[in-house]
Amino acid sequence: MNLQISSELNRQLEEIADSSGSTKKDVIRQALALMKVAHNAKKTSKHLGLVADAEKLDTEIVGLL
């Protein structure tokens, strides 16, 4: 499979890979795994979000699907 991305997206991908000590390929695999979680959550009427405290939703992630 070949994937063409913009230079800006490639820069972001390289930055994430470098800061996490992984490869761009691994970052893409992990991103797809996270997208699968979001997709499955949406199918079961759940929401995806970020929390610092398990009792309070800080940020709900919307618009992925």
PDB file of N, CA and C in Angstrom:
ATOM      1  N   MET A   1       0.848  -1.174   0.000  1.00  0.00           N
ATOM      2  CA  MET A   1       0.000   0.000   0.000  1.00  0.00           C
ATOM      3  C   MET A   1       0.893   1.236   0.000  1.00  0.00           C
ATOM      4  N   ASN A   2       0.547   2.178  -0.815  1.00  0.00           N
ATOM      5  CA  ASN A   2       1.228   3.471  -0.827  1.00  0.00           C
ATOM      6  C   ASN A   2       0.284   4.519  -0.269  1.00  0.00           C
ATOM      7  N   LEU A   3       0.846   5.423   0.502  1.00  0.00           N
ATOM      8  CA  LEU A   3       0.045   6.470   1.127  1.00  0.00           C
ATOM      9  C   LEU A   3       0.683   7.816   0.824  1.00  0.00           C
ATOM     10  N   GLN A   4      -0.062   8.689   0.193  1.00  0.00           N
ATOM     11  CA  GLN A   4       0.432  10.035  -0.087  1.00  0.00           C
ATOM     12  C   GLN A   4      -0.208  10.998   0.900  1.00  0.00           C
ATOM     13  N   ILE A   5       0.651  11.749   1.608  1.00  0.00           N
ATOM     14  CA  ILE A   5       0.168  12.719   2.579  1.00  0.00           C
ATOM     15  C   ILE A   5       0.860  14.051   2.334  1.00  0.00           C
ATOM     16  N   SER A   6       0.274  15.101   2.856  1.00  0.00           N
ATOM     17  CA  SER A   6       0.862  16.430   2.693  1.00  0.00           C
ATOM     18  C   SER A   6       2.162  16.515   3.485  1.00  0.00           C
ATOM     19  N   SER A   7       2.980  17.485   3.145  1.00  0.00           N
ATOM     20  CA  SER A   7       4.241  17.670   3.867  1.00  0.00           C
ATOM     21  C   SER A   7       3.975  18.046   5.324  1.00  0.00           C
ATOM     22  N   GLU A   8       2.911  18.778   5.594  1.00  0.00           N
ATOM     23  CA  GLU A   8       2.559  19.145   6.967  1.00  0.00           C
ATOM     24  C   GLU A   8       2.167  17.907   7.776  1.00  0.00           C
ATOM     25  N   LEU A   9       1.348  17.042   7.202  1.00  0.00           N
ATOM     26  CA  LEU A   9       0.955  15.818   7.894  1.00  0.00           C
ATOM     27  C   LEU A   9       2.166  14.907   8.105  1.00  0.00           C
ATOM     28  N   ASN A  10       3.051  14.841   7.134  1.00  0.00           N
ATOM     29  CA  ASN A  10       4.267  14.046   7.277  1.00  0.00           C
ATOM     30  C   ASN A  10       5.136  14.600   8.405  1.00  0.00           C
ATOM     31  N   ARG A  11       5.227  15.915   8.513  1.00  0.00           N
ATOM     32  CA  ARG A  11       6.008  16.536   9.588  1.00  0.00           C
ATOM     33  C   ARG A  11       5.412  16.182  10.948  1.00  0.00           C
ATOM     34  N   GLN A  12       4.087  16.250  11.058  1.00  0.00           N
ATOM     35  CA  GLN A  12       3.423  15.900  12.308  1.00  0.00           C
ATOM     36  C   GLN A  12       3.634  14.425  12.647  1.00  0.00           C
ATOM     37  N   LEU A  13       3.566  13.584  11.648  1.00  0.00           N
ATOM     38  CA  LEU A  13       3.776  12.158  11.833  1.00  0.00           C
ATOM     39  C   LEU A  13       5.195  11.871  12.322  1.00  0.00           C
ATOM     40  N   GLU A  14       6.180  12.536  11.715  1.00  0.00           N
ATOM     41  CA  GLU A  14       7.570  12.378  12.137  1.00  0.00           C
ATOM     42  C   GLU A  14       7.777  12.878  13.567  1.00  0.00           C
ATOM     43  N   GLU A  15       7.134  13.992  13.904  1.00  0.00           N
ATOM     44  CA  GLU A  15       7.251  14.558  15.249  1.00  0.00           C
ATOM     45  C   GLU A  15       6.694  13.602  16.302  1.00  0.00           C
ATOM     46  N   ILE A  16       5.532  13.018  16.022  1.00  0.00           N
ATOM     47  CA  ILE A  16       4.929  12.066  16.957  1.00  0.00           C
ATOM     48  C   ILE A  16       5.807  10.820  17.073  1.00  0.00           C
ATOM     49  N   ALA A  17       6.283  10.312  15.961  1.00  0.00           N
ATOM     50  CA  ALA A  17       7.140   9.126  15.985  1.00  0.00           C
ATOM     51  C   ALA A  17       8.413   9.397  16.775  1.00  0.00           C
ATOM     52  N   ASP A  18       9.054  10.528  16.534  1.00  0.00           N
ATOM     53  CA  ASP A  18      10.289  10.865  17.243  1.00  0.00           C
ATOM     54  C   ASP A  18      10.049  11.002  18.747  1.00  0.00           C
ATOM     55  N   SER A  19       9.001  11.719  19.110  1.00  0.00           N
ATOM     56  CA  SER A  19       8.763  11.969  20.538  1.00  0.00           C
ATOM     57  C   SER A  19       8.311  10.719  21.287  1.00  0.00           C
ATOM     58  N   SER A  20       7.752   9.745  20.568  1.00  0.00           N
ATOM     59  CA  SER A  20       7.306   8.513  21.222  1.00  0.00           C
ATOM     60  C   SER A  20       8.306   7.370  21.056  1.00  0.00           C
ATOM     61  N   GLY A  21       9.392   7.637  20.336  1.00  0.00           N
ATOM     62  CA  GLY A  21      10.409   6.609  20.145  1.00  0.00           C
ATOM     63  C   GLY A  21       9.943   5.460  19.269  1.00  0.00           C
ATOM     64  N   SER A  22       9.078   5.770  18.313  1.00  0.00           N
ATOM     65  CA  SER A  22       8.572   4.728  17.425  1.00  0.00           C
ATOM     66  C   SER A  22       8.765   5.162  15.975  1.00  0.00           C
ATOM     67  N   THR A  23       8.161   4.414  15.083  1.00  0.00           N
ATOM     68  CA  THR A  23       8.263   4.728  13.661  1.00  0.00           C
ATOM     69  C   THR A  23       6.956   5.346  13.167  1.00  0.00           C
ATOM     70  N   LYS A  24       7.019   5.960  11.997  1.00  0.00           N
ATOM     71  CA  LYS A  24       5.805   6.510  11.400  1.00  0.00           C
ATOM     72  C   LYS A  24       4.793   5.394  11.147  1.00  0.00           C
ATOM     73  N   LYS A  25       5.291   4.231  10.754  1.00  0.00           N
ATOM     74  CA  LYS A  25       4.421   3.085  10.517  1.00  0.00           C
ATOM     75  C   LYS A  25       3.674   2.700  11.797  1.00  0.00           C
ATOM     76  N   ASP A  26       4.389   2.678  12.909  1.00  0.00           N
ATOM     77  CA  ASP A  26       3.760   2.348  14.192  1.00  0.00           C
ATOM     78  C   ASP A  26       2.729   3.396  14.598  1.00  0.00           C
ATOM     79  N   VAL A  27       3.034   4.668  14.369  1.00  0.00           N
ATOM     80  CA  VAL A  27       2.095   5.737  14.709  1.00  0.00           C
ATOM     81  C   VAL A  27       0.803   5.574  13.912  1.00  0.00           C
ATOM     82  N   ILE A  28       0.919   5.248  12.643  1.00  0.00           N
ATOM     83  CA  ILE A  28      -0.269   5.048  11.805  1.00  0.00           C
ATOM     84  C   ILE A  28      -1.066   3.843  12.291  1.00  0.00           C
ATOM     85  N   ARG A  29      -0.376   2.761  12.648  1.00  0.00           N
ATOM     86  CA  ARG A  29      -1.076   1.580  13.182  1.00  0.00           C
ATOM     87  C   ARG A  29      -1.828   1.922  14.466  1.00  0.00           C
ATOM     88  N   GLN A  30      -1.179   2.675  15.348  1.00  0.00           N
ATOM     89  CA  GLN A  30      -1.820   3.053  16.609  1.00  0.00           C
ATOM     90  C   GLN A  30      -2.995   3.990  16.363  1.00  0.00           C
ATOM     91  N   ALA A  31      -2.859   4.889  15.400  1.00  0.00           N
ATOM     92  CA  ALA A  31      -3.951   5.798  15.063  1.00  0.00           C
ATOM     93  C   ALA A  31      -5.153   5.014  14.539  1.00  0.00           C
ATOM     94  N   LEU A  32      -4.897   4.000  13.724  1.00  0.00           N
ATOM     95  CA  LEU A  32      -5.995   3.171  13.222  1.00  0.00           C
ATOM     96  C   LEU A  32      -6.650   2.381  14.345  1.00  0.00           C
ATOM     97  N   ALA A  33      -5.857   1.922  15.309  1.00  0.00           N
ATOM     98  CA  ALA A  33      -6.428   1.217  16.459  1.00  0.00           C
ATOM     99  C   ALA A  33      -7.328   2.149  17.269  1.00  0.00           C
ATOM    100  N   LEU A  34      -6.889   3.389  17.463  1.00  0.00           N
ATOM    101  CA  LEU A  34      -7.711   4.365  18.175  1.00  0.00           C
ATOM    102  C   LEU A  34      -8.981   4.687  17.395  1.00  0.00           C
ATOM    103  N   MET A  35      -8.883   4.776  16.087  1.00  0.00           N
ATOM    104  CA  MET A  35     -10.054   5.036  15.251  1.00  0.00           C
ATOM    105  C   MET A  35     -11.047   3.883  15.357  1.00  0.00           C
ATOM    106  N   LYS A  36     -10.531   2.658  15.451  1.00  0.00           N
ATOM    107  CA  LYS A  36     -11.408   1.495  15.609  1.00  0.00           C
ATOM    108  C   LYS A  36     -12.172   1.587  16.931  1.00  0.00           C
ATOM    109  N   VAL A  37     -11.503   2.008  17.997  1.00  0.00           N
ATOM    110  CA  VAL A  37     -12.166   2.186  19.292  1.00  0.00           C
ATOM    111  C   VAL A  37     -13.283   3.225  19.163  1.00  0.00           C
ATOM    112  N   ALA A  38     -12.981   4.346  18.505  1.00  0.00           N
ATOM    113  CA  ALA A  38     -13.989   5.399  18.325  1.00  0.00           C
ATOM    114  C   ALA A  38     -15.165   4.892  17.502  1.00  0.00           C
ATOM    115  N   HIS A  39     -14.876   4.142  16.456  1.00  0.00           N
ATOM    116  CA  HIS A  39     -15.925   3.606  15.592  1.00  0.00           C
ATOM    117  C   HIS A  39     -16.838   2.651  16.362  1.00  0.00           C
ATOM    118  N   ASN A  40     -16.222   1.744  17.130  1.00  0.00           N
ATOM    119  CA  ASN A  40     -17.011   0.795  17.921  1.00  0.00           C
ATOM    120  C   ASN A  40     -17.817   1.506  19.000  1.00  0.00           C
ATOM    121  N   ALA A  41     -17.252   2.544  19.597  1.00  0.00           N
ATOM    122  CA  ALA A  41     -17.982   3.301  20.614  1.00  0.00           C
ATOM    123  C   ALA A  41     -19.210   3.967  20.004  1.00  0.00           C
ATOM    124  N   LYS A  42     -19.040   4.546  18.836  1.00  0.00           N
ATOM    125  CA  LYS A  42     -20.163   5.226  18.196  1.00  0.00           C
ATOM    126  C   LYS A  42     -21.280   4.238  17.869  1.00  0.00           C
ATOM    127  N   LYS A  43     -20.920   3.036  17.437  1.00  0.00           N
ATOM    128  CA  LYS A  43     -21.929   2.032  17.101  1.00  0.00           C
ATOM    129  C   LYS A  43     -22.756   1.635  18.316  1.00  0.00           C
ATOM    130  N   THR A  44     -22.199   1.787  19.507  1.00  0.00           N
ATOM    131  CA  THR A  44     -22.920   1.417  20.727  1.00  0.00           C
ATOM    132  C   THR A  44     -23.369   2.649  21.517  1.00  0.00           C
ATOM    133  N   SER A  45     -23.466   3.780  20.820  1.00  0.00           N
ATOM    134  CA  SER A  45     -23.939   5.042  21.401  1.00  0.00           C
ATOM    135  C   SER A  45     -23.082   5.536  22.563  1.00  0.00           C
ATOM    136  N   LYS A  46     -21.782   5.236  22.524  1.00  0.00           N
ATOM    137  CA  LYS A  46     -20.858   5.736  23.539  1.00  0.00           C
ATOM    138  C   LYS A  46     -20.119   6.944  22.982  1.00  0.00           C
ATOM    139  N   HIS A  47     -19.398   7.632  23.871  1.00  0.00           N
ATOM    140  CA  HIS A  47     -18.666   8.826  23.495  1.00  0.00           C
ATOM    141  C   HIS A  47     -17.182   8.625  23.782  1.00  0.00           C
ATOM    142  N   LEU A  48     -16.355   9.334  23.037  1.00  0.00           N
ATOM    143  CA  LEU A  48     -14.906   9.272  23.220  1.00  0.00           C
ATOM    144  C   LEU A  48     -14.465  10.596  23.809  1.00  0.00           C
ATOM    145  N   GLY A  49     -13.661  10.532  24.861  1.00  0.00           N
ATOM    146  CA  GLY A  49     -13.248  11.771  25.504  1.00  0.00           C
ATOM    147  C   GLY A  49     -11.938  11.631  26.242  1.00  0.00           C
ATOM    148  N   LEU A  50     -11.506  12.748  26.825  1.00  0.00           N
ATOM    149  CA  LEU A  50     -10.277  12.816  27.607  1.00  0.00           C
ATOM    150  C   LEU A  50     -10.627  13.250  29.021  1.00  0.00           C
ATOM    151  N   VAL A  51      -9.997  12.605  29.976  1.00  0.00           N
ATOM    152  CA  VAL A  51     -10.253  12.952  31.369  1.00  0.00           C
ATOM    153  C   VAL A  51      -8.949  13.008  32.158  1.00  0.00           C
ATOM    154  N   ALA A  52      -8.885  13.907  33.105  1.00  0.00           N
ATOM    155  CA  ALA A  52      -7.806  13.925  34.085  1.00  0.00           C
ATOM    156  C   ALA A  52      -8.306  13.277  35.363  1.00  0.00           C
ATOM    157  N   ASP A  53      -9.609  13.392  35.572  1.00  0.00           N
ATOM    158  CA  ASP A  53     -10.285  12.839  36.744  1.00  0.00           C
ATOM    159  C   ASP A  53     -11.409  11.950  36.221  1.00  0.00           C
ATOM    160  N   ALA A  54     -11.444  10.710  36.655  1.00  0.00           N
ATOM    161  CA  ALA A  54     -12.442   9.764  36.161  1.00  0.00           C
ATOM    162  C   ALA A  54     -13.878  10.215  36.406  1.00  0.00           C
ATOM    163  N   GLU A  55     -14.061  11.183  37.278  1.00  0.00           N
ATOM    164  CA  GLU A  55     -15.402  11.675  37.595  1.00  0.00           C
ATOM    165  C   GLU A  55     -15.851  12.814  36.690  1.00  0.00           C
ATOM    166  N   LYS A  56     -14.935  13.361  35.855  1.00  0.00           N
ATOM    167  CA  LYS A  56     -15.270  14.549  35.074  1.00  0.00           C
ATOM    168  C   LYS A  56     -14.657  14.470  33.675  1.00  0.00           C
ATOM    169  N   LEU A  57     -15.497  14.622  32.667  1.00  0.00           N
ATOM    170  CA  LEU A  57     -15.039  14.645  31.284  1.00  0.00           C
ATOM    171  C   LEU A  57     -14.459  16.024  30.983  1.00  0.00           C
ATOM    172  N   ASP A  58     -13.183  16.064  30.613  1.00  0.00           N
ATOM    173  CA  ASP A  58     -12.546  17.336  30.272  1.00  0.00           C
ATOM    174  C   ASP A  58     -12.836  17.740  28.829  1.00  0.00           C
ATOM    175  N   THR A  59     -12.695  16.772  27.929  1.00  0.00           N
ATOM    176  CA  THR A  59     -12.863  17.045  26.503  1.00  0.00           C
ATOM    177  C   THR A  59     -13.554  15.885  25.837  1.00  0.00           C
ATOM    178  N   GLU A  60     -14.628  16.151  25.114  1.00  0.00           N
ATOM    179  CA  GLU A  60     -15.255  15.115  24.293  1.00  0.00           C
ATOM    180  C   GLU A  60     -14.739  15.271  22.881  1.00  0.00           C
ATOM    181  N   ILE A  61     -14.324  14.162  22.294  1.00  0.00           N
ATOM    182  CA  ILE A  61     -13.796  14.179  20.930  1.00  0.00           C
ATOM    183  C   ILE A  61     -14.965  13.919  19.992  1.00  0.00           C
ATOM    184  N   VAL A  62     -15.234  14.878  19.130  1.00  0.00           N
ATOM    185  CA  VAL A  62     -16.353  14.775  18.197  1.00  0.00           C
ATOM    186  C   VAL A  62     -15.845  14.974  16.770  1.00  0.00           C
ATOM    187  N   GLY A  63     -16.610  14.511  15.820  1.00  0.00           N
ATOM    188  CA  GLY A  63     -16.304  14.753  14.423  1.00  0.00           C
ATOM    189  C   GLY A  63     -15.331  13.764  13.793  1.00  0.00           C
ATOM    190  N   LEU A  64     -14.977  12.684  14.480  1.00  0.00           N
ATOM    191  CA  LEU A  64     -14.098  11.698  13.875  1.00  0.00           C
ATOM    192  C   LEU A  64     -14.833  10.855  12.850  1.00  0.00           C
ATOM    193  N   LEU A  65     -16.072  10.541  13.144  1.00  0.00           N
ATOM    194  CA  LEU A  65     -16.844   9.660  12.264  1.00  0.00           C
ATOM    195  C   LEU A  65     -18.118  10.314  11.822  1.00  0.00           C
TER     196      LEU A  65
END
